[in-house]
PDB file of N, CA and C in Angstrom:
ATOM      1  N   MET A   1      30.062  22.547  49.587  1.00  0.00           N
ATOM      2  CA  MET A   1      30.979  21.423  49.498  1.00  0.00           C
ATOM      3  C   MET A   1      32.293  21.785  50.186  1.00  0.00           C
ATOM      4  N   GLN A   2      32.780  20.895  50.997  1.00  0.00           N
ATOM      5  CA  GLN A   2      34.035  21.100  51.706  1.00  0.00           C
ATOM      6  C   GLN A   2      35.221  20.993  50.758  1.00  0.00           C
ATOM      7  N   GLU A   3      36.201  21.813  50.979  1.00  0.00           N
ATOM      8  CA  GLU A   3      37.461  21.733  50.241  1.00  0.00           C
ATOM      9  C   GLU A   3      38.459  20.946  51.088  1.00  0.00           C
ATOM     10  N   ASN A   4      39.496  20.446  50.439  1.00  0.00           N
ATOM     11  CA  ASN A   4      40.579  19.754  51.140  1.00  0.00           C
ATOM     12  C   ASN A   4      40.104  18.559  51.955  1.00  0.00           C
ATOM     13  N   LEU A   5      39.245  17.753  51.379  1.00  0.00           N
ATOM     14  CA  LEU A   5      38.796  16.542  52.051  1.00  0.00           C
ATOM     15  C   LEU A   5      39.743  15.397  51.727  1.00  0.00           C
ATOM     16  N   ARG A   6      40.022  14.583  52.734  1.00  0.00           N
ATOM     17  CA  ARG A   6      40.836  13.379  52.535  1.00  0.00           C
ATOM     18  C   ARG A   6      39.898  12.181  52.547  1.00  0.00           C
ATOM     19  N   HIS A   7      39.886  11.426  51.461  1.00  0.00           N
ATOM     20  CA  HIS A   7      38.983  10.289  51.334  1.00  0.00           C
ATOM     21  C   HIS A   7      39.589   9.057  52.003  1.00  0.00           C
ATOM     22  N   VAL A   8      38.748   8.318  52.721  1.00  0.00           N
ATOM     23  CA  VAL A   8      39.170   7.113  53.430  1.00  0.00           C
ATOM     24  C   VAL A   8      38.262   5.964  53.017  1.00  0.00           C
ATOM     25  N   GLU A   9      38.853   4.819  52.716  1.00  0.00           N
ATOM     26  CA  GLU A   9      38.101   3.587  52.480  1.00  0.00           C
ATOM     27  C   GLU A   9      38.668   2.522  53.400  1.00  0.00           C
ATOM     28  N   TYR A  10      37.775   1.777  54.044  1.00  0.00           N
ATOM     29  CA  TYR A  10      38.178   0.779  55.034  1.00  0.00           C
ATOM     30  C   TYR A  10      37.415  -0.508  54.768  1.00  0.00           C
ATOM     31  N   THR A  11      38.143  -1.606  54.633  1.00  0.00           N
ATOM     32  CA  THR A  11      37.527  -2.917  54.461  1.00  0.00           C
ATOM     33  C   THR A  11      37.230  -3.480  55.843  1.00  0.00           C
ATOM     34  N   THR A  12      35.970  -3.797  56.082  1.00  0.00           N
ATOM     35  CA  THR A  12      35.530  -4.244  57.398  1.00  0.00           C
ATOM     36  C   THR A  12      35.829  -5.724  57.613  1.00  0.00           C
ATOM     37  N   SER A  13      35.663  -6.155  58.853  1.00  0.00           N
ATOM     38  CA  SER A  13      35.862  -7.554  59.218  1.00  0.00           C
ATOM     39  C   SER A  13      34.818  -7.948  60.258  1.00  0.00           C
ATOM     40  N   GLY A  14      34.148  -9.080  60.036  1.00  0.00           N
ATOM     41  CA  GLY A  14      33.228  -9.617  61.031  1.00  0.00           C
ATOM     42  C   GLY A  14      31.849  -8.990  61.065  1.00  0.00           C
ATOM     43  N   VAL A  15      31.504  -8.197  60.050  1.00  0.00           N
ATOM     44  CA  VAL A  15      30.188  -7.550  60.012  1.00  0.00           C
ATOM     45  C   VAL A  15      29.568  -7.698  58.627  1.00  0.00           C
ATOM     46  N   CYS A  16      28.309  -7.350  58.515  1.00  0.00           N
ATOM     47  CA  CYS A  16      27.599  -7.467  57.233  1.00  0.00           C
ATOM     48  C   CYS A  16      28.077  -6.438  56.214  1.00  0.00           C
ATOM     49  N   ALA A  17      28.355  -5.225  56.658  1.00  0.00           N
ATOM     50  CA  ALA A  17      28.887  -4.208  55.742  1.00  0.00           C
ATOM     51  C   ALA A  17      30.289  -4.633  55.315  1.00  0.00           C
ATOM     52  N   ARG A  18      30.565  -4.509  54.021  1.00  0.00           N
ATOM     53  CA  ARG A  18      31.861  -4.957  53.502  1.00  0.00           C
ATOM     54  C   ARG A  18      32.898  -3.842  53.461  1.00  0.00           C
ATOM     55  N   MET A  19      32.433  -2.611  53.352  1.00  0.00           N
ATOM     56  CA  MET A  19      33.365  -1.490  53.263  1.00  0.00           C
ATOM     57  C   MET A  19      32.721  -0.239  53.847  1.00  0.00           C
ATOM     58  N   ILE A  20      33.577   0.611  54.404  1.00  0.00           N
ATOM     59  CA  ILE A  20      33.166   1.910  54.922  1.00  0.00           C
ATOM     60  C   ILE A  20      33.989   2.964  54.197  1.00  0.00           C
ATOM     61  N   SER A  21      33.328   4.031  53.767  1.00  0.00           N
ATOM     62  CA  SER A  21      34.064   5.141  53.160  1.00  0.00           C
ATOM     63  C   SER A  21      33.570   6.449  53.766  1.00  0.00           C
ATOM     64  N   PHE A  22      34.492   7.386  53.900  1.00  0.00           N
ATOM     65  CA  PHE A  22      34.148   8.705  54.421  1.00  0.00           C
ATOM     66  C   PHE A  22      35.258   9.672  54.064  1.00  0.00           C
ATOM     67  N   ASP A  23      34.976  10.945  54.263  1.00  0.00           N
ATOM     68  CA  ASP A  23      35.961  11.993  54.045  1.00  0.00           C
ATOM     69  C   ASP A  23      36.234  12.688  55.371  1.00  0.00           C
ATOM     70  N   LEU A  24      37.479  13.111  55.538  1.00  0.00           N
ATOM     71  CA  LEU A  24      37.874  13.914  56.699  1.00  0.00           C
ATOM     72  C   LEU A  24      38.306  15.286  56.209  1.00  0.00           C
ATOM     73  N   ASP A  25      37.812  16.336  56.873  1.00  0.00           N
ATOM     74  CA  ASP A  25      38.252  17.677  56.507  1.00  0.00           C
ATOM     75  C   ASP A  25      39.509  18.045  57.289  1.00  0.00           C
ATOM     76  N   GLU A  26      39.978  19.265  57.115  1.00  0.00           N
ATOM     77  CA  GLU A  26      41.232  19.695  57.742  1.00  0.00           C
ATOM     78  C   GLU A  26      41.150  19.731  59.260  1.00  0.00           C
ATOM     79  N   ASN A  27      39.936  19.724  59.818  1.00  0.00           N
ATOM     80  CA  ASN A  27      39.743  19.696  61.269  1.00  0.00           C
ATOM     81  C   ASN A  27      39.382  18.309  61.784  1.00  0.00           C
ATOM     82  N   ASN A  28      39.535  17.304  60.926  1.00  0.00           N
ATOM     83  CA  ASN A  28      39.199  15.911  61.249  1.00  0.00           C
ATOM     84  C   ASN A  28      37.722  15.720  61.580  1.00  0.00           C
ATOM     85  N   ASN A  29      36.873  16.437  60.863  1.00  0.00           N
ATOM     86  CA  ASN A  29      35.437  16.219  60.952  1.00  0.00           C
ATOM     87  C   ASN A  29      35.021  15.282  59.825  1.00  0.00           C
ATOM     88  N   ILE A  30      34.042  14.434  60.099  1.00  0.00           N
ATOM     89  CA  ILE A  30      33.597  13.408  59.154  1.00  0.00           C
ATOM     90  C   ILE A  30      32.554  13.968  58.194  1.00  0.00           C
ATOM     91  N   HIS A  31      32.694  13.580  56.923  1.00  0.00           N
ATOM     92  CA  HIS A  31      31.728  13.952  55.891  1.00  0.00           C
ATOM     93  C   HIS A  31      31.522  12.762  54.957  1.00  0.00           C
ATOM     94  N   ASN A  32      30.345  12.695  54.369  1.00  0.00           N
ATOM     95  CA  ASN A  32      30.046  11.740  53.291  1.00  0.00           C
ATOM     96  C   ASN A  32      30.250  10.285  53.692  1.00  0.00           C
ATOM     97  N   LEU A  33      29.865   9.935  54.920  1.00  0.00           N
ATOM     98  CA  LEU A  33      30.012   8.555  55.386  1.00  0.00           C
ATOM     99  C   LEU A  33      29.085   7.639  54.607  1.00  0.00           C
ATOM    100  N   GLY A  34      29.623   6.509  54.170  1.00  0.00           N
ATOM    101  CA  GLY A  34      28.824   5.517  53.471  1.00  0.00           C
ATOM    102  C   GLY A  34      29.293   4.113  53.808  1.00  0.00           C
ATOM    103  N   PHE A  35      28.370   3.178  53.750  1.00  0.00           N
ATOM    104  CA  PHE A  35      28.664   1.774  54.002  1.00  0.00           C
ATOM    105  C   PHE A  35      28.255   0.975  52.778  1.00  0.00           C
ATOM    106  N   LEU A  36      29.039  -0.030  52.432  1.00  0.00           N
ATOM    107  CA  LEU A  36      28.694  -0.956  51.364  1.00  0.00           C
ATOM    108  C   LEU A  36      28.189  -2.227  52.021  1.00  0.00           C
ATOM    109  N   GLY A  37      26.886  -2.499  51.884  1.00  0.00           N
ATOM    110  CA  GLY A  37      26.275  -3.636  52.561  1.00  0.00           C
ATOM    111  C   GLY A  37      25.811  -3.234  53.951  1.00  0.00           C
ATOM    112  N   GLY A  38      25.301  -4.204  54.688  1.00  0.00           N
ATOM    113  CA  GLY A  38      24.853  -3.958  56.053  1.00  0.00           C
ATOM    114  C   GLY A  38      23.388  -3.559  56.125  1.00  0.00           C
ATOM    115  N   CYS A  39      22.947  -3.178  57.305  1.00  0.00           N
ATOM    116  CA  CYS A  39      21.555  -2.807  57.574  1.00  0.00           C
ATOM    117  C   CYS A  39      21.321  -1.371  57.110  1.00  0.00           C
ATOM    118  N   SER A  40      20.727  -1.225  55.968  1.00  0.00           N
ATOM    119  CA  SER A  40      20.620   0.058  55.282  1.00  0.00           C
ATOM    120  C   SER A  40      20.058   1.182  56.151  1.00  0.00           C
ATOM    121  N   GLY A  41      18.947   0.954  56.792  1.00  0.00           N
ATOM    122  CA  GLY A  41      18.313   2.013  57.584  1.00  0.00           C
ATOM    123  C   GLY A  41      19.179   2.467  58.741  1.00  0.00           C
ATOM    124  N   ASN A  42      19.720   1.527  59.487  1.00  0.00           N
ATOM    125  CA  ASN A  42      20.573   1.873  60.625  1.00  0.00           C
ATOM    126  C   ASN A  42      21.840   2.590  60.182  1.00  0.00           C
ATOM    127  N   LEU A  43      22.431   2.129  59.095  1.00  0.00           N
ATOM    128  CA  LEU A  43      23.685   2.729  58.645  1.00  0.00           C
ATOM    129  C   LEU A  43      23.472   4.112  58.042  1.00  0.00           C
ATOM    130  N   ARG A  44      22.331   4.326  57.392  1.00  0.00           N
ATOM    131  CA  ARG A  44      22.015   5.680  56.911  1.00  0.00           C
ATOM    132  C   ARG A  44      21.808   6.619  58.099  1.00  0.00           C
ATOM    133  N   ALA A  45      21.202   6.102  59.164  1.00  0.00           N
ATOM    134  CA  ALA A  45      20.997   6.922  60.365  1.00  0.00           C
ATOM    135  C   ALA A  45      22.336   7.298  60.994  1.00  0.00           C
ATOM    136  N   ILE A  46      23.251   6.337  61.106  1.00  0.00           N
ATOM    137  CA  ILE A  46      24.581   6.632  61.642  1.00  0.00           C
ATOM    138  C   ILE A  46      25.254   7.696  60.785  1.00  0.00           C
ATOM    139  N   SER A  47      25.142   7.553  59.471  1.00  0.00           N
ATOM    140  CA  SER A  47      25.762   8.521  58.556  1.00  0.00           C
ATOM    141  C   SER A  47      25.247   9.932  58.808  1.00  0.00           C
ATOM    142  N   LYS A  48      23.945  10.069  59.021  1.00  0.00           N
ATOM    143  CA  LYS A  48      23.366  11.389  59.296  1.00  0.00           C
ATOM    144  C   LYS A  48      23.827  11.927  60.649  1.00  0.00           C
ATOM    145  N   LEU A  49      23.908  11.047  61.635  1.00  0.00           N
ATOM    146  CA  LEU A  49      24.285  11.478  62.985  1.00  0.00           C
ATOM    147  C   LEU A  49      25.727  11.956  63.082  1.00  0.00           C
ATOM    148  N   VAL A  50      26.626  11.371  62.291  1.00  0.00           N
ATOM    149  CA  VAL A  50      28.041  11.730  62.418  1.00  0.00           C
ATOM    150  C   VAL A  50      28.479  12.832  61.454  1.00  0.00           C
ATOM    151  N   GLU A  51      27.641  13.213  60.506  1.00  0.00           N
ATOM    152  CA  GLU A  51      28.018  14.219  59.505  1.00  0.00           C
ATOM    153  C   GLU A  51      28.492  15.513  60.175  1.00  0.00           C
ATOM    154  N   GLY A  52      29.718  15.918  59.846  1.00  0.00           N
ATOM    155  CA  GLY A  52      30.280  17.153  60.367  1.00  0.00           C
ATOM    156  C   GLY A  52      30.835  17.073  61.776  1.00  0.00           C
ATOM    157  N   LYS A  53      30.750  15.907  62.396  1.00  0.00           N
ATOM    158  CA  LYS A  53      31.216  15.738  63.779  1.00  0.00           C
ATOM    159  C   LYS A  53      32.701  15.381  63.811  1.00  0.00           C
ATOM    160  N   ASN A  54      33.332  15.645  64.944  1.00  0.00           N
ATOM    161  CA  ASN A  54      34.745  15.343  65.131  1.00  0.00           C
ATOM    162  C   ASN A  54      34.976  13.835  65.117  1.00  0.00           C
ATOM    163  N   ALA A  55      35.916  13.403  64.286  1.00  0.00           N
ATOM    164  CA  ALA A  55      36.164  11.980  64.074  1.00  0.00           C
ATOM    165  C   ALA A  55      36.583  11.265  65.356  1.00  0.00           C
ATOM    166  N   LEU A  56      37.477  11.851  66.131  1.00  0.00           N
ATOM    167  CA  LEU A  56      37.946  11.184  67.344  1.00  0.00           C
ATOM    168  C   LEU A  56      36.822  11.030  68.361  1.00  0.00           C
ATOM    169  N   GLU A  57      35.980  12.033  68.493  1.00  0.00           N
ATOM    170  CA  GLU A  57      34.837  11.928  69.404  1.00  0.00           C
ATOM    171  C   GLU A  57      33.911  10.796  68.972  1.00  0.00           C
ATOM    172  N   ILE A  58      33.651  10.694  67.672  1.00  0.00           N
ATOM    173  CA  ILE A  58      32.792   9.624  67.155  1.00  0.00           C
ATOM    174  C   ILE A  58      33.438   8.270  67.404  1.00  0.00           C
ATOM    175  N   ALA A  59      34.737   8.148  67.142  1.00  0.00           N
ATOM    176  CA  ALA A  59      35.439   6.881  67.366  1.00  0.00           C
ATOM    177  C   ALA A  59      35.338   6.459  68.825  1.00  0.00           C
ATOM    178  N   ASN A  60      35.502   7.392  69.741  1.00  0.00           N
ATOM    179  CA  ASN A  60      35.421   7.070  71.168  1.00  0.00           C
ATOM    180  C   ASN A  60      34.022   6.625  71.576  1.00  0.00           C
ATOM    181  N   ILE A  61      33.002   7.218  70.995  1.00  0.00           N
ATOM    182  CA  ILE A  61      31.620   6.844  71.314  1.00  0.00           C
ATOM    183  C   ILE A  61      31.300   5.445  70.795  1.00  0.00           C
ATOM    184  N   LEU A  62      31.728   5.133  69.573  1.00  0.00           N
ATOM    185  CA  LEU A  62      31.335   3.884  68.915  1.00  0.00           C
ATOM    186  C   LEU A  62      32.240   2.701  69.234  1.00  0.00           C
ATOM    187  N   ASN A  63      33.425   2.952  69.748  1.00  0.00           N
ATOM    188  CA  ASN A  63      34.389   1.888  70.013  1.00  0.00           C
ATOM    189  C   ASN A  63      33.826   0.828  70.960  1.00  0.00           C
ATOM    190  N   GLY A  64      33.959  -0.438  70.555  1.00  0.00           N
ATOM    191  CA  GLY A  64      33.540  -1.545  71.405  1.00  0.00           C
ATOM    192  C   GLY A  64      32.082  -1.938  71.281  1.00  0.00           C
ATOM    193  N   ASN A  65      31.301  -1.224  70.488  1.00  0.00           N
ATOM    194  CA  ASN A  65      29.897  -1.572  70.285  1.00  0.00           C
ATOM    195  C   ASN A  65      29.806  -2.927  69.590  1.00  0.00           C
ATOM    196  N   LYS A  66      28.956  -3.815  70.086  1.00  0.00           N
ATOM    197  CA  LYS A  66      28.818  -5.156  69.508  1.00  0.00           C
ATOM    198  C   LYS A  66      27.458  -5.322  68.857  1.00  0.00           C
ATOM    199  N   CYS A  67      27.377  -6.244  67.895  1.00  0.00           N
ATOM    200  CA  CYS A  67      26.134  -6.561  67.197  1.00  0.00           C
ATOM    201  C   CYS A  67      25.794  -8.021  67.469  1.00  0.00           C
ATOM    202  N   GLY A  68      24.753  -8.245  68.263  1.00  0.00           N
ATOM    203  CA  GLY A  68      24.362  -9.611  68.586  1.00  0.00           C
ATOM    204  C   GLY A  68      25.521 -10.375  69.208  1.00  0.00           C
ATOM    205  N   PRO A  69      25.754 -11.610  68.742  1.00  0.00           N
ATOM    206  CA  PRO A  69      26.837 -12.420  69.313  1.00  0.00           C
ATOM    207  C   PRO A  69      28.227 -12.050  68.786  1.00  0.00           C
ATOM    208  N   ARG A  70      28.279 -11.177  67.808  1.00  0.00           N
ATOM    209  CA  ARG A  70      29.576 -10.791  67.234  1.00  0.00           C
ATOM    210  C   ARG A  70      30.379  -9.963  68.232  1.00  0.00           C
ATOM    211  N   GLN A  71      31.670  -9.992  68.083  1.00  0.00           N
ATOM    212  CA  GLN A  71      32.553  -9.207  68.944  1.00  0.00           C
ATOM    213  C   GLN A  71      32.779  -7.799  68.410  1.00  0.00           C
ATOM    214  N   THR A  72      32.092  -7.459  67.318  1.00  0.00           N
ATOM    215  CA  THR A  72      32.220  -6.150  66.695  1.00  0.00           C
ATOM    216  C   THR A  72      30.869  -5.767  66.100  1.00  0.00           C
ATOM    217  N   SER A  73      30.802  -4.624  65.465  1.00  0.00           N
ATOM    218  CA  SER A  73      29.587  -4.156  64.794  1.00  0.00           C
ATOM    219  C   SER A  73      30.021  -3.186  63.706  1.00  0.00           C
ATOM    220  N   CYS A  74      29.091  -2.762  62.889  1.00  0.00           N
ATOM    221  CA  CYS A  74      29.426  -1.761  61.874  1.00  0.00           C
ATOM    222  C   CYS A  74      29.898  -0.468  62.538  1.00  0.00           C
ATOM    223  N   ALA A  75      29.277  -0.106  63.651  1.00  0.00           N
ATOM    224  CA  ALA A  75      29.690   1.099  64.376  1.00  0.00           C
ATOM    225  C   ALA A  75      31.100   0.936  64.937  1.00  0.00           C
ATOM    226  N   ASP A  76      31.404  -0.226  65.494  1.00  0.00           N
ATOM    227  CA  ASP A  76      32.743  -0.503  66.007  1.00  0.00           C
ATOM    228  C   ASP A  76      33.765  -0.498  64.875  1.00  0.00           C
ATOM    229  N   GLN A  77      33.387  -1.045  63.729  1.00  0.00           N
ATOM    230  CA  GLN A  77      34.280  -1.034  62.569  1.00  0.00           C
ATOM    231  C   GLN A  77      34.519   0.398  62.087  1.00  0.00           C
ATOM    232  N   LEU A  78      33.503   1.250  62.169  1.00  0.00           N
ATOM    233  CA  LEU A  78      33.688   2.659  61.829  1.00  0.00           C
ATOM    234  C   LEU A  78      34.703   3.287  62.779  1.00  0.00           C
ATOM    235  N   SER A  79      34.610   2.967  64.057  1.00  0.00           N
ATOM    236  CA  SER A  79      35.572   3.465  65.031  1.00  0.00           C
ATOM    237  C   SER A  79      36.991   3.057  64.646  1.00  0.00           C
ATOM    238  N   LYS A  80      37.162   1.801  64.270  1.00  0.00           N
ATOM    239  CA  LYS A  80      38.482   1.308  63.857  1.00  0.00           C
ATOM    240  C   LYS A  80      38.967   2.028  62.598  1.00  0.00           C
ATOM    241  N   ALA A  81      38.065   2.245  61.651  1.00  0.00           N
ATOM    242  CA  ALA A  81      38.423   2.942  60.411  1.00  0.00           C
ATOM    243  C   ALA A  81      38.886   4.365  60.705  1.00  0.00           C
ATOM    244  N   ILE A  82      38.167   5.040  61.587  1.00  0.00           N
ATOM    245  CA  ILE A  82      38.522   6.416  61.948  1.00  0.00           C
ATOM    246  C   ILE A  82      39.892   6.456  62.613  1.00  0.00           C
ATOM    247  N   LEU A  83      40.100   5.577  63.598  1.00  0.00           N
ATOM    248  CA  LEU A  83      41.375   5.583  64.317  1.00  0.00           C
ATOM    249  C   LEU A  83      42.538   5.269  63.390  1.00  0.00           C
ATOM    250  N   GLU A  84      42.333   4.338  62.468  1.00  0.00           N
ATOM    251  CA  GLU A  84      43.379   4.017  61.492  1.00  0.00           C
ATOM    252  C   GLU A  84      43.676   5.228  60.601  1.00  0.00           C
ATOM    253  N   ALA A  85      42.626   5.908  60.163  1.00  0.00           N
ATOM    254  CA  ALA A  85      42.807   7.083  59.306  1.00  0.00           C
ATOM    255  C   ALA A  85      43.524   8.205  60.048  1.00  0.00           C
ATOM    256  N   LEU A  86      43.145   8.435  61.298  1.00  0.00           N
ATOM    257  CA  LEU A  86      43.789   9.490  62.080  1.00  0.00           C
ATOM    258  C   LEU A  86      45.241   9.141  62.383  1.00  0.00           C
ATOM    259  N   ASP A  87      45.503   7.866  62.636  1.00  0.00           N
ATOM    260  CA  ASP A  87      46.863   7.419  62.929  1.00  0.00           C
ATOM    261  C   ASP A  87      47.777   7.565  61.713  1.00  0.00           C
ATOM    262  N   SER A  88      47.206   7.424  60.530  1.00  0.00           N
ATOM    263  CA  SER A  88      48.019   7.475  59.311  1.00  0.00           C
ATOM    264  C   SER A  88      48.517   8.880  58.979  1.00  0.00           C
ATOM    265  N   VAL A  89      47.974   9.898  59.625  1.00  0.00           N
ATOM    266  CA  VAL A  89      48.416  11.266  59.349  1.00  0.00           C
ATOM    267  C   VAL A  89      49.363  11.801  60.418  1.00  0.00           C
ATOM    268  N   LYS A  90      49.702  10.977  61.385  1.00  0.00           N
ATOM    269  CA  LYS A  90      50.627  11.410  62.452  1.00  0.00           C
ATOM    270  C   LYS A  90      52.035  11.458  61.939  1.00  0.00           C
TER     271      LYS A  90
END
């Protein structure tokens, strides 16, 4: 278990998932990513793929991803959540 984790909760907009939560360690790596609502299988896969990865790198990869006709997606919302969390510690 990681020590010194900062917990983040983000209320989404324009997607099926209603909330995103994750922890950031002292090196800004993502841990314990979870989504409330949304496409369960896809979101569990995203959670596994980003575990332990650098938050800014993940945000850059996922930024701008769209879901169908929507202008955003759960992945794009995760990018926004990460950037907001990183910005709040500056």
